[in-house]
Amino acid sequence: MALEFSSLASGSSGNCQLIKSKNTRLLLDAGLSGKYIINGLGHFNIEAETIDGILITHEHIDHIKGVGIMHRKCGMKIYANQATWDRVSKKIGKVDPSKVVLFDNEKPFHIKDIEVEPMSISHDAVDPVAYSFKTHSSKIAVITDLGHITDEMVDKIKDSDLLMLESNHNVDMLMMGKYPYPLKRRVIGDHGHLSNEACAQAAIRAITTGRVSTVLLAHLSKDNNTPELAYETAKSMFYENDIQVGSDVFLDLTYRDRVGQLFRIGGK
């Protein structure tokens, strides 16, 4: 069964991704206004009321800004782990408790015909997660907002068809830029964000040991990166490891201010 995927937005100003199968429609985070998310779904002729649920990665505002309004307006369920929900529930207004679903990290569960696996990651949040989404023939992994990626996580995602992975900053731009020094240390720390080089290294491990055929670069910093630099860093590092962009892997970007293309992964 095929999966379809689009990044409606990715970056510090707001994050939201669409994952859908034949029978299921999900949002990963809702860190933008309800209007933006509804309009983004409209690009694919999807009514917001048909979304089955929002899965939350962590409690930072660029990932949860629109969760409350989308839940109240459209009635969709909210999925989170307990520690994250304890933080989020204080920030998003009134919700229907019967539509809040709590999960345990590392334990896959099903939302209709999609298997969802929440995976613990390192970030400066209470209990952040990344996710994979799987049907019998297709798999997508989305991993952003983390300071480093472990071999264990690469093992979990290397059988993905599509990998959306954080490529947040160029280290030189960050260290020479305008951020205060403590913020620079936070960004490059183990609980911060992946650099372009760290992103490419992780992607190479997933490609060469698994079946990843599409890589999307995500959560690019507005101040400490450029789309061209992120793309060329990944492309050149892939080439150095005998991975040809175009023939061995499809490489593309996600954007902070516009909806990306719709990818279709797998069979009918």
Protein backbone atom coordinates (compact mmCIF):
# COMPACT_ATOMS: atom_id res chain seq x y z
CA MET A 1 0.00 0.00 0.00
CA ALA A 2 1.38 3.37 -1.03
CA LEU A 3 2.15 6.26 1.29
CA GLU A 4 2.04 9.90 0.26
CA PHE A 5 4.01 12.68 1.91
CA SER A 6 4.40 16.42 1.75
CA SER A 7 6.07 18.98 3.99
CA LEU A 8 3.66 21.88 4.40
CA ALA A 9 6.42 23.84 6.16
CA SER A 10 9.70 23.09 7.94
CA GLY A 11 11.75 25.54 9.96
CA SER A 12 11.88 27.55 13.15
CA SER A 13 8.84 29.58 12.05
CA GLY A 14 6.63 26.51 11.92
CA ASN A 15 6.50 22.81 11.10
CA CYS A 16 3.80 20.58 9.67
CA GLN A 17 3.95 17.49 7.46
CA LEU A 18 1.22 15.47 5.77
CA ILE A 19 1.32 11.68 5.66
CA LYS A 20 -1.47 9.78 3.96
CA SER A 21 -2.43 6.34 2.77
CA LYS A 22 -5.53 5.01 1.07
CA ASN A 23 -7.56 5.15 4.28
CA THR A 24 -5.62 7.41 6.66
CA ARG A 25 -4.59 11.06 6.77
CA LEU A 26 -2.19 12.34 9.42
CA LEU A 27 -0.39 15.55 10.33
CA LEU A 28 3.01 15.48 11.95
CA ASP A 29 3.06 18.55 14.18
CA ALA A 30 0.96 21.66 13.60
CA GLY A 31 3.27 24.55 14.33
CA LEU A 32 1.60 27.13 12.13
CA SER A 33 -1.69 28.99 12.08
CA GLY A 34 -4.81 27.00 11.40
CA LYS A 35 -5.37 29.07 8.26
CA TYR A 36 -1.94 28.19 6.86
CA ILE A 37 -2.42 24.48 7.54
CA ILE A 38 -5.92 24.41 6.04
CA ASN A 39 -4.70 26.26 2.94
CA GLY A 40 -1.71 23.91 2.70
CA LEU A 41 -3.96 20.87 2.74
CA GLY A 42 -6.04 22.57 0.07
CA HIS A 43 -3.06 22.31 -2.31
CA PHE A 44 -3.87 18.59 -2.43
CA ASN A 45 -7.65 18.94 -2.30
CA ILE A 46 -7.75 17.62 1.26
CA GLU A 47 -10.38 18.89 3.67
CA ALA A 48 -8.95 19.47 7.15
CA GLU A 49 -11.96 17.68 8.66
CA THR A 50 -10.76 14.43 7.05
CA ILE A 51 -7.47 14.40 9.00
CA ASP A 52 -7.42 11.49 11.44
CA GLY A 53 -4.86 12.88 13.86
CA ILE A 54 -1.94 15.15 14.73
CA LEU A 55 1.23 13.52 16.05
CA ILE A 56 3.37 15.80 18.22
CA THR A 57 7.17 15.56 18.26
CA HIS A 58 7.80 17.95 21.18
CA GLU A 59 6.40 20.97 22.96
CA HIS A 60 8.22 23.86 21.24
CA ILE A 61 5.83 26.42 19.80
CA ASP A 62 7.00 26.01 16.19
CA HIS A 63 5.62 22.46 16.40
CA ILE A 64 2.36 23.01 18.32
CA LYS A 65 1.08 26.52 17.54
CA GLY A 66 -1.92 25.26 15.55
CA VAL A 67 -2.64 22.00 17.40
CA GLY A 68 -5.43 23.39 19.58
CA ILE A 69 -7.28 25.26 16.84
CA MET A 70 -7.05 22.34 14.39
CA HIS A 71 -8.32 19.95 17.06
CA ARG A 72 -11.24 22.18 18.05
CA LYS A 73 -12.18 23.18 14.51
CA CYS A 74 -11.83 19.78 12.85
CA GLY A 75 -12.19 17.25 15.66
CA MET A 76 -8.97 15.36 14.95
CA LYS A 77 -7.20 13.26 17.58
CA ILE A 78 -3.93 14.35 19.19
CA TYR A 79 -1.11 11.84 19.74
CA ALA A 80 1.81 12.43 22.12
CA ASN A 81 3.81 10.78 24.87
CA GLN A 82 2.84 11.58 28.46
CA ALA A 83 5.69 13.96 29.30
CA THR A 84 5.21 15.97 26.11
CA TRP A 85 1.45 16.09 26.55
CA ASP A 86 1.84 17.40 30.10
CA ARG A 87 3.67 20.41 28.62
CA VAL A 88 1.59 20.83 25.47
CA SER A 89 -1.78 20.65 27.23
CA LYS A 90 -0.97 23.85 29.12
CA LYS A 91 -0.31 25.79 25.92
CA ILE A 92 -3.03 24.93 23.38
CA GLY A 93 -6.34 25.70 25.09
CA LYS A 94 -9.34 23.47 25.64
CA VAL A 95 -9.31 19.97 24.16
CA ASP A 96 -11.59 16.93 24.23
CA PRO A 97 -9.81 14.47 26.56
CA SER A 98 -11.40 11.51 24.75
CA LYS A 99 -9.47 12.50 21.63
CA VAL A 100 -6.03 12.61 23.25
CA VAL A 101 -4.04 9.41 22.67
CA LEU A 102 -0.91 8.80 24.74
CA PHE A 103 1.82 6.43 23.58
CA ASP A 104 5.11 5.01 24.83
CA ASN A 105 8.29 5.82 22.91
CA GLU A 106 9.81 2.97 20.89
CA LYS A 107 6.49 1.06 20.85
CA PRO A 108 4.83 0.99 17.40
CA PHE A 109 1.07 1.48 17.19
CA HIS A 110 -1.49 1.66 14.39
CA ILE A 111 -3.63 4.53 13.22
CA LYS A 112 -5.98 2.67 10.88
CA ASP A 113 -3.74 1.23 8.11
CA ILE A 114 -0.50 3.05 9.05
CA GLU A 115 1.95 1.71 11.60
CA VAL A 116 3.54 4.57 13.55
CA GLU A 117 6.76 4.25 15.54
CA PRO A 118 7.80 7.09 17.87
CA MET A 119 11.57 7.14 18.43
CA SER A 120 13.34 8.98 21.24
CA ILE A 121 15.78 11.69 20.12
CA SER A 122 18.12 14.18 21.79
CA HIS A 123 16.82 17.74 21.86
CA ASP A 124 16.25 20.39 24.52
CA ALA A 125 12.65 19.35 25.14
CA VAL A 126 11.12 17.19 27.84
CA ASP A 127 10.77 13.92 25.83
CA PRO A 128 11.13 14.61 22.10
CA VAL A 129 10.53 12.01 19.40
CA ALA A 130 10.94 11.40 15.70
CA TYR A 131 8.52 9.17 13.81
CA SER A 132 8.39 6.53 11.14
CA PHE A 133 5.24 5.66 9.18
CA LYS A 134 4.85 2.25 7.60
CA THR A 135 2.49 0.14 5.52
CA HIS A 136 3.25 -3.36 4.28
CA SER A 137 5.17 -2.00 1.28
CA SER A 138 6.24 1.56 2.13
CA LYS A 139 8.01 3.45 4.90
CA ILE A 140 8.70 7.12 5.64
CA ALA A 141 10.88 8.49 8.46
CA VAL A 142 10.86 12.11 9.63
CA ILE A 143 13.67 13.21 11.95
CA THR A 144 14.23 16.84 12.90
CA ASP A 145 15.17 18.85 15.98
CA LEU A 146 17.97 16.67 17.34
CA GLY A 147 21.57 17.26 18.31
CA HIS A 148 22.98 13.97 17.09
CA ILE A 149 21.80 10.77 15.46
CA THR A 150 22.82 7.40 16.86
CA ASP A 151 23.67 4.14 15.08
CA GLU A 152 20.58 2.68 16.73
CA MET A 153 18.37 5.25 15.04
CA VAL A 154 20.04 4.72 11.67
CA ASP A 155 19.25 1.02 12.03
CA LYS A 156 15.59 1.89 12.63
CA ILE A 157 15.25 4.19 9.62
CA LYS A 158 17.51 2.59 7.00
CA ASP A 159 14.63 0.51 5.60
CA SER A 160 12.70 3.71 4.82
CA ASP A 161 11.91 4.65 1.23
CA LEU A 162 11.80 8.36 2.06
CA LEU A 163 13.85 10.06 4.76
CA MET A 164 13.21 13.64 5.84
CA LEU A 165 16.20 14.67 7.92
CA GLU A 166 17.23 17.90 9.62
CA SER A 167 19.97 19.91 7.88
CA ASN A 168 19.79 22.93 10.14
CA HIS A 169 22.99 24.91 9.83
CA ASN A 170 26.41 25.42 8.35
CA VAL A 171 28.81 25.37 11.30
CA ASP A 172 30.98 28.23 9.98
CA MET A 173 27.96 30.46 9.32
CA LEU A 174 26.64 29.70 12.79
CA MET A 175 29.89 30.38 14.64
CA MET A 176 30.60 33.60 12.71
CA GLY A 177 27.00 34.78 12.82
CA LYS A 178 25.01 37.07 15.07
CA TYR A 179 23.70 34.53 17.59
CA PRO A 180 24.89 35.02 21.20
CA TYR A 181 27.57 32.53 22.16
CA PRO A 182 25.35 30.51 24.56
CA LEU A 183 22.79 30.06 21.76
CA LYS A 184 25.53 28.94 19.36
CA ARG A 185 26.63 26.34 21.91
CA ARG A 186 23.03 25.17 22.29
CA VAL A 187 22.54 24.76 18.54
CA ILE A 188 25.73 22.73 18.01
CA GLY A 189 25.34 20.72 21.22
CA ASP A 190 24.09 17.16 21.60
CA HIS A 191 20.60 18.47 22.36
CA GLY A 192 20.52 21.10 19.61
CA HIS A 193 20.26 20.70 15.85
CA LEU A 194 22.01 18.70 13.13
CA SER A 195 24.47 20.54 10.90
CA ASN A 196 24.55 20.08 7.13
CA GLU A 197 27.54 17.77 7.47
CA ALA A 198 25.99 15.68 10.26
CA CYS A 199 22.80 15.36 8.23
CA ALA A 200 24.69 14.16 5.16
CA GLN A 201 26.74 11.67 7.20
CA ALA A 202 23.60 10.15 8.72
CA ALA A 203 21.87 10.01 5.33
CA ILE A 204 24.89 8.27 3.81
CA ARG A 205 24.77 5.60 6.52
CA ALA A 206 21.06 5.04 5.89
CA ILE A 207 21.48 4.90 2.11
CA THR A 208 24.51 2.61 2.03
CA THR A 209 23.21 0.13 4.62
CA GLY A 210 19.53 0.26 3.71
CA ARG A 211 17.09 1.15 0.96
CA VAL A 212 16.56 4.90 1.31
CA SER A 213 15.91 6.32 -2.17
CA THR A 214 14.60 9.82 -1.37
CA VAL A 215 16.21 12.29 1.06
CA LEU A 216 14.55 15.58 1.97
CA LEU A 217 16.61 18.20 3.81
CA ALA A 218 14.60 19.83 6.57
CA HIS A 219 14.48 22.54 9.24
CA LEU A 220 17.05 24.79 7.52
CA SER A 221 18.05 27.80 9.60
CA LYS A 222 17.11 31.16 8.12
CA ASP A 223 20.21 32.82 9.61
CA ASN A 224 22.84 30.08 9.52
CA ASN A 225 22.19 28.22 6.29
CA THR A 226 20.98 28.57 2.73
CA PRO A 227 19.04 26.07 0.65
CA GLU A 228 21.85 26.01 -1.90
CA LEU A 229 24.51 25.33 0.72
CA ALA A 230 22.53 22.56 2.40
CA TYR A 231 21.84 20.88 -0.94
CA GLU A 232 25.40 21.17 -2.26
CA THR A 233 26.90 19.91 1.02
CA ALA A 234 24.76 16.79 0.90
CA LYS A 235 25.30 16.26 -2.82
CA SER A 236 29.10 16.56 -2.59
CA MET A 237 29.32 14.29 0.46
CA PHE A 238 27.11 11.75 -1.28
CA TYR A 239 29.42 11.87 -4.31
CA GLU A 240 32.47 11.29 -2.11
CA ASN A 241 30.78 8.09 -0.94
CA ASP A 242 29.87 6.88 -4.45
CA ILE A 243 26.23 7.91 -4.16
CA GLN A 244 24.98 9.67 -7.27
CA VAL A 245 22.16 12.16 -6.84
CA GLY A 246 19.61 11.48 -9.55
CA SER A 247 20.46 7.84 -10.16
CA ASP A 248 21.11 6.36 -6.70
CA VAL A 249 19.04 8.77 -4.64
CA PHE A 250 16.63 11.67 -5.12
CA LEU A 251 17.68 14.70 -3.08
CA ASP A 252 15.40 17.66 -2.42
CA LEU A 253 14.65 20.45 0.05
CA THR A 254 11.76 21.38 2.31
CA TYR A 255 10.83 25.01 2.89
CA ARG A 256 9.86 27.21 5.83
CA ASP A 257 7.34 29.30 3.91
CA ARG A 258 5.75 27.16 1.25
CA VAL A 259 4.23 23.75 0.64
CA GLY A 260 6.51 21.13 -0.88
CA GLN A 261 5.63 18.62 -3.54
CA LEU A 262 3.61 15.48 -2.84
CA PHE A 263 5.72 12.33 -2.90
CA ARG A 264 4.13 8.96 -3.56
CA ILE A 265 6.03 6.03 -2.07
CA GLY A 266 5.40 2.38 -2.83
CA GLY A 267 2.68 0.36 -4.49
CA LYS A 268 -1.00 0.78 -5.13
